Amino acid sequence: MQQNKLLMMSMHVFRGLSTDLLRLSYQRQIAYFSSLTLSNAKPIDLARSLFQLAICLQQSDRFPEISKLWLDHSNCDAADQYFEAASRYVTSQDSLVVSYEGIETLMLEGLYHVSCGRLQLAWLVFRRALGIAHLVGLHIPQRRRQGKQQGSTSGSSPMCLATLWFRIIFMDRYLSLVLDLPMSVQDDSFMDDLVDLAPLEKLERAQAKLTSRIIFRNEQLRLGQRGGNPVYDHYKETKDIDYLLSQATRSLPAQWWGFPRPQDARSADELRDMVAKIVHQLHHYNFVLLLHIPYILPGPESRRSNDATQDYSNSKIAAMTAARELLSRSIVPIGPNRVSFSTRGIVLKVLLSALTLLAVHLDSHRLGRENALGHQRPGDLITAERAIQSLETMGQKYDDKLCSSAARALRRMSAIEATAADGVGYRTWSEPSDMVCTECIVQEEANAVQMSFPHVGIIHILRQEPQDTIQTTSNGLRTLLETDNLDVGLLTPSWAWSDSPLSSWPEQTLADSNADDVGNLPIGTELIYHGIQEAWALNKSDVEAIEAPPTELNLQNYEVQGWNSNDHPLLLEETFNATTFGS
C-alpha cells in the first residue's frame, strides 16, 4: 500500500502511459524492476527506472516506517544520486531519447524537478520533450490515431500516443502559466475526441485548453491593457474562462470534491483513488487561483483614487475560496513536524494562497463598516499563519531562498493587515512586473511598502494620513475637528501602540527628528501649535490687547495622554535578496 501511495503522489500525470506502474500489481512491479539487468536493458529503460526510484525515495520521508532503507546515504541523497546518474549518462544524450520511451523518461525527469521546486528547470525539460515529440511526429493527428504503440521495448504496458501528446502539452502550458512564460503549442486537437474519456480526463483537457487563454490574457495585462481597452476586455475574458471552467467541473459529482482521508483507506486501490483525488483537487483549485489572482487588488489606475475603477468582487471571492481549499489540503503534508523533500513542489501554491487571503483582507479594511469579509478574517488569519510557519520550516530545513523570503514577506504583510484592522488607512494596488522573480522582495521607505511576488507582480502599499481628523485651511493652519469628542487613539499611529505588531521597531534618534517637534504634544497638536506660533507672531506690547485664539483654548482643555516625542515613522530600507531567472 505504501508503495502505491508513494508513486501516486506524483505520477498521476502519467496515467494512461506505459510509466503508469500503478496499473500493475505489486508482484508485477517487483518482477519488472528485477528484469532490468545490464545485459538485456536499454539505457533508456534503466534511466526510466532510476527516475522512478528517485521519485519514490524523494517522497519516502513522509512515512517513518520506510524513511530508513539502510542505504549508505539518506533517502534524499540517494535520490539525487540516482537522478544525476540517469540525467548525466542517458537523458542528456539526444540520440538516446528520440523515441516514445525517451519522451516519457524526460517527463519523469521534469517531474523530479517539479517535486524539488525547480520549476524553471522542469519547464526546460518538458520543452525539450515537446521538441522531440515533434521530431517523432506526435504533432500529426494521423500519427496519434494509430492508437497504442506496438512492441514496446520496455516490456511494460503499451502507451496511447494521443495521451502522450496531451500530457506533454498539459505540463508545458501549466508550467508556462506559473512562470509567466509563453507556451509553445497552440494546437487544441486533444479536445476532438472526448466521448470515450472519463469525467476527470475531460476536466483535465478543458483545463489545458483554458490555460492557453489565461496565458494570452496575462500577456495583455503585462502589455498595459489593464486600464481598459475596447479591443480586448481582459476581465470579460476572465469571466468567460471562469464560466467554462465551472461548466467543466459539472462532469464530476459533488461528492467527488470532498476532502478524502487517505489514512482511512482499507485497500491499496482505495488509497490510490484517494491520493489521486487530492492531487487533482489541488491542481484544480490552483488553476482557479491563477485565473483570478490578478484581481485580488486594484490595478495601477487606482493609485490616485480610493475608489476602484471596476468591481472585481467575483474574482476576489473565487480566489479566496480557492486559496482556502488549497491551504486545507497543502499544509497537512508540509506541517512543521513533518516536512517532505518532495513537497517543495507546492511551495508556490502555499505562497500564493496565503498572499491572497492577506491581501484581500488588507484591501477590504478601507471599506470600513461595509466590509463583508470581517467574519471570515479570524479563520483566514489562522490559516495564513499556518502557511507562513510551514514556509519558515521549509526554508530552514532546506535553505530554500524562496521559502525564507516568502515567509518574511508574508509576515510583513500580516503585520500591515493587523494595523489596517486597527483603523490605519492604507491604499493598495498591484501591477504586473517585467521581471521573473524566483524570490520575494520587500522594499520600504517612509510610509510606502513595495512587495514583489512570483506570478503576482508588484504590490504597492501606501499608508494614508487620517484625513477625517485633520483639515488644512487656506492659510496653512491645521485645526482639529470635533475637539469635544476627540479620541486620543485617532491621533496615535498604530505603530506606537504597545500591542501593535510594529511596536517593536527601533526608536528614531534625535538627529533624525523633525526640527519642529514641540515637547510631548501629539502629532496633530504639534502641527497646530507650530502653525499658531507663525500665525500669531506678535510683539510683546500686542499680547495684552489680543485674546488667545479659540483653537489654543480648546487645546488647553484637551488632556494629552502618554505620548513620546521620539515616536515617529522610520525610514526603513530592507530588501530581501532576489534572483531573476536568466540573469
Foldseek 3Di string as FASTA:
>chain_A
DLVLLLQLLQVPLQPQALLPCVVPDPVVVVVLVVVDDPVQDDLLLLLLVLLSQLSSLQFVLLDVVRQDPPDPDGSNVSSVVSLCVSVVPALVDPVRLLDLSSLVSLLSNLSQCLLQQNLVVSLVSLVVSLVSCVVVPLVPVVVQVVAWDPDDSSPTDTHRSLSSNVSSLLSNLVSCLQQLHQGDDLDLCSQVDDPPDQLLVQLSSLLSNLSNVLSVLVVCQQVPCPVDDPVDDSVVSLVVSVVSNVVSVVSDDPVLLDQDDLVPDPDSVSNSVNSNSLVSLLVSLLSLLSSLLLPLAAAPVCPPPLDGPDDSPVSLVSNLVSLVSNLVSLLVCQFLVHHGSSSSSCLLSLLSSLCSLLSNLLSLLVVPPPRPCVVVNVVSVVSSVRSLNSLVSVCVVPVDQASVQSSVVSVVSNLSSVLSNVPWDKHKHFGADPFRWPHKKWWFFFQKIWIQDGSNHIMIIGTDQPPVFWDADPVRAIAGPPLVPDDLVSLDRQCCDPPGPNVPDDWDDPVPADPQQDDQDGPSVSRNVVVCCVVPVDDPVCPVVDDDDPRVVSVVVDDDDDGDSRDDTDTDTDIRDIDTPPD
